[in-house]
Each structure stands twice: as C-alpha cells, then as structure tokens.
Amino acid sequence: MEFIKLNYGWNADPNSPAQLIKIKGTDLLLSFYMNHYIYEAYSEDDLGVLTFHNCIQFRQGSLNDEGFFVYGGDKYKPHGIIWGEFYRIVGVDWKNSFYDPIYIDNDSYVDDFNHYLFYFRDNDFECIASSYDFHISKRRP
C-alpha cells in the first residue's frame, strides 16, 4: 500500500474548513476554506475546490483529529499517513475495503479508478474517481 501526498503548497483551514460536497453529473466537487494561517498566498475567504472527475462513489466519515491521535486513528494510520493531508492511495482493493459508500449514478466506465483520501479537522473524506483537479475560488461552486 502506498500513499501519495497531493497537497503541496496548500491545505484546508485547520480550524473550520466548512467543507461542502456537490454532485454535478459524474463529477464530485469538494470545496473547503483554505489554510491562510500557514500559506500566505491564501486569504481567509479563499475556497479550495477539488473536482473529482468520473466519480463512482464517496464517503464522508466521522473520524476527527482527536480520534486519529488519541483513540487509535483508522485503518490507514499504521501506514504513516499524516493527519490533515490529501492523498491518492495505491495498492488497495477499494472494491472490497471501501466501507459505507454513497454511490453516484455513473454509467460510464474507466479502466483505472483512483482512490483519494483527505483528512479534515472534524471528519475524513474518501472517493473513487478517474482523476481530480484543484483550483481556488472566492465563492462556492
């Protein structure tokens, strides 16, 4: 199992990311406030928007930072991941280990799906999609 960190030079607000999920066709848009405390390029009004293309399923769990650090974390913690980061997970059979997903009505087929994971302050987010892109917005998509 390999975890590829994807958020270099940016991250979600560590106190109140206020993430929001929207589905547009087969894309899932995940927006959140940017971490302007550490990254001076962002202001407190900046929203990061991750668009997961050709998304087939996702979940938003209830694991928070206290659960991760104090109460043993989750199934990925023993692999050296860092709380609060955005990853692509390689080498996991997500078809059999992705618990409690929400399915998106998606009739298209892609040979290679990717497994994405993002730990926010008060919850965790996972999705299965063909690809993603990231941009900054001043308003919710």
Protein backbone atom coordinates (compact mmCIF):
# COMPACT_ATOMS: atom_id res chain seq x y z
CA MET A 1 0.00 0.00 0.00
CA GLU A 2 1.34 3.42 -0.95
CA PHE A 3 0.10 6.89 -0.03
CA ILE A 4 0.99 9.67 -2.46
CA LYS A 5 0.62 13.11 -0.89
CA LEU A 6 -1.09 15.52 -3.30
CA ASN A 7 -1.38 18.82 -1.42
CA TYR A 8 1.94 20.61 -1.70
CA GLY A 9 1.80 24.35 -1.01
CA TRP A 10 -1.81 24.33 0.17
CA ASN A 11 -4.17 22.74 2.67
CA ALA A 12 -7.59 23.14 4.23
CA ASP A 13 -8.25 25.53 7.10
CA PRO A 14 -7.20 23.62 10.25
CA ASN A 15 -9.94 25.15 12.43
CA SER A 16 -13.04 25.46 10.30
CA PRO A 17 -12.69 24.14 6.75
CA ALA A 18 -16.50 24.07 6.31
CA GLN A 19 -16.29 21.55 3.50
CA LEU A 20 -19.20 21.15 1.15
CA ILE A 21 -19.90 18.38 -1.36
CA LYS A 22 -21.82 18.93 -4.60
CA ILE A 23 -22.50 16.45 -7.37
CA LYS A 24 -22.56 17.74 -10.96
CA GLY A 25 -23.22 14.94 -13.40
CA THR A 26 -20.47 12.40 -12.75
CA ASP A 27 -18.18 14.95 -11.06
CA LEU A 28 -17.98 15.46 -7.32
CA LEU A 29 -16.94 18.93 -6.17
CA LEU A 30 -15.48 19.21 -2.68
CA SER A 31 -14.98 22.79 -1.52
CA PHE A 32 -13.36 23.99 1.70
CA TYR A 33 -11.75 27.08 3.17
CA MET A 34 -8.02 27.30 2.60
CA ASN A 35 -5.36 27.37 5.31
CA HIS A 36 -4.36 31.03 5.25
CA TYR A 37 -2.51 30.72 8.57
CA ILE A 38 0.45 28.82 7.12
CA TYR A 39 0.12 29.58 3.41
CA GLU A 40 0.36 33.33 2.87
CA ALA A 41 -0.79 33.03 -0.75
CA TYR A 42 -4.36 32.46 0.51
CA SER A 43 -6.81 34.70 2.33
CA GLU A 44 -9.47 33.60 4.79
CA ASP A 45 -12.12 33.92 2.05
CA ASP A 46 -10.37 31.62 -0.41
CA LEU A 47 -12.06 28.32 -1.14
CA GLY A 48 -10.18 25.33 -2.42
CA VAL A 49 -12.21 23.24 -4.84
CA LEU A 50 -11.26 19.65 -5.60
CA THR A 51 -13.17 18.31 -8.59
CA PHE A 52 -13.17 14.53 -8.79
CA HIS A 53 -13.93 13.50 -12.35
CA ASN A 54 -15.99 10.45 -13.22
CA CYS A 55 -16.59 9.76 -9.53
CA ILE A 56 -18.36 6.50 -8.81
CA GLN A 57 -18.55 6.53 -5.01
CA PHE A 58 -17.57 8.55 -1.96
CA ARG A 59 -17.94 8.69 1.78
CA GLN A 60 -17.55 11.32 4.45
CA GLY A 61 -16.70 9.73 7.78
CA SER A 62 -16.82 10.98 11.33
CA LEU A 63 -13.16 10.43 12.24
CA ASN A 64 -11.76 13.66 13.68
CA ASP A 65 -8.28 14.72 14.77
CA GLU A 66 -8.85 13.58 18.37
CA GLY A 67 -9.95 10.14 17.18
CA PHE A 68 -6.92 9.92 14.94
CA PHE A 69 -4.32 10.94 17.54
CA VAL A 70 -5.84 9.82 20.86
CA TYR A 71 -8.11 6.88 20.07
CA GLY A 72 -6.05 4.92 17.58
CA GLY A 73 -6.92 6.52 14.27
CA ASP A 74 -8.22 4.41 11.43
CA LYS A 75 -7.11 1.61 9.12
CA TYR A 76 -4.60 3.87 7.35
CA LYS A 77 -2.78 5.37 10.35
CA PRO A 78 -0.36 2.42 10.76
CA HIS A 79 0.94 3.18 7.24
CA GLY A 80 2.46 6.51 8.28
CA ILE A 81 -0.07 8.96 6.90
CA ILE A 82 -0.26 12.44 8.37
CA TRP A 83 -3.49 13.91 9.69
CA GLY A 84 -4.86 16.79 7.60
CA GLU A 85 -3.33 15.80 4.27
CA PHE A 86 -4.75 14.84 0.87
CA TYR A 87 -3.61 11.52 -0.63
CA ARG A 88 -4.03 9.15 -3.51
CA ILE A 89 -3.93 5.59 -2.23
CA VAL A 90 -2.27 2.97 -4.43
CA GLY A 91 -2.34 -0.76 -3.89
CA VAL A 92 -5.63 -1.07 -2.02
CA ASP A 93 -8.53 -3.15 -3.26
CA TRP A 94 -11.07 -0.37 -2.77
CA LYS A 95 -13.85 -2.58 -4.14
CA ASN A 96 -13.60 -4.72 -1.01
CA SER A 97 -12.28 -2.26 1.59
CA PHE A 98 -14.27 0.90 0.88
CA TYR A 99 -16.93 0.80 3.60
CA ASP A 100 -20.30 2.53 3.65
CA PRO A 101 -20.02 4.40 0.32
CA ILE A 102 -22.52 6.70 -1.33
CA TYR A 103 -22.83 5.71 -4.98
CA ILE A 104 -23.11 8.21 -7.79
CA ASP A 105 -25.26 7.33 -10.79
CA ASN A 106 -22.47 6.88 -13.29
CA ASP A 107 -22.94 4.74 -16.40
CA SER A 108 -19.51 5.41 -17.87
CA TYR A 109 -16.63 3.02 -17.47
CA VAL A 110 -13.00 3.89 -16.85
CA ASP A 111 -10.24 1.29 -16.76
CA ASP A 112 -8.30 2.87 -13.94
CA PHE A 113 -10.02 4.48 -10.99
CA ASN A 114 -8.09 6.22 -8.24
CA HIS A 115 -8.72 6.12 -4.51
CA TYR A 116 -8.47 9.55 -2.83
CA LEU A 117 -8.37 10.36 0.88
CA PHE A 118 -8.47 13.73 2.66
CA TYR A 119 -8.42 14.22 6.43
CA PHE A 120 -10.14 17.38 7.61
CA ARG A 121 -10.32 18.62 11.18
CA ASP A 122 -13.64 17.02 12.09
CA ASN A 123 -14.03 14.26 9.51
CA ASP A 124 -12.45 12.25 6.76
CA PHE A 125 -13.34 12.09 3.07
CA GLU A 126 -12.71 9.28 0.57
CA CYS A 127 -13.74 8.88 -3.02
CA ILE A 128 -13.15 6.73 -6.06
CA ALA A 129 -12.77 8.69 -9.30
CA SER A 130 -10.81 8.63 -12.53
CA SER A 131 -8.92 11.88 -11.82
CA TYR A 132 -9.09 15.19 -9.98
CA ASP A 133 -8.14 18.81 -10.38
CA PHE A 134 -7.76 21.64 -7.88
CA HIS A 135 -8.47 25.35 -8.11
CA ILE A 136 -9.14 28.34 -5.85
CA SER A 137 -12.45 30.16 -5.84
CA LYS A 138 -13.91 33.13 -3.97
CA ARG A 139 -17.36 31.54 -3.81
CA ARG A 140 -18.91 28.11 -3.52
CA PRO A 141 -19.17 26.24 -6.83
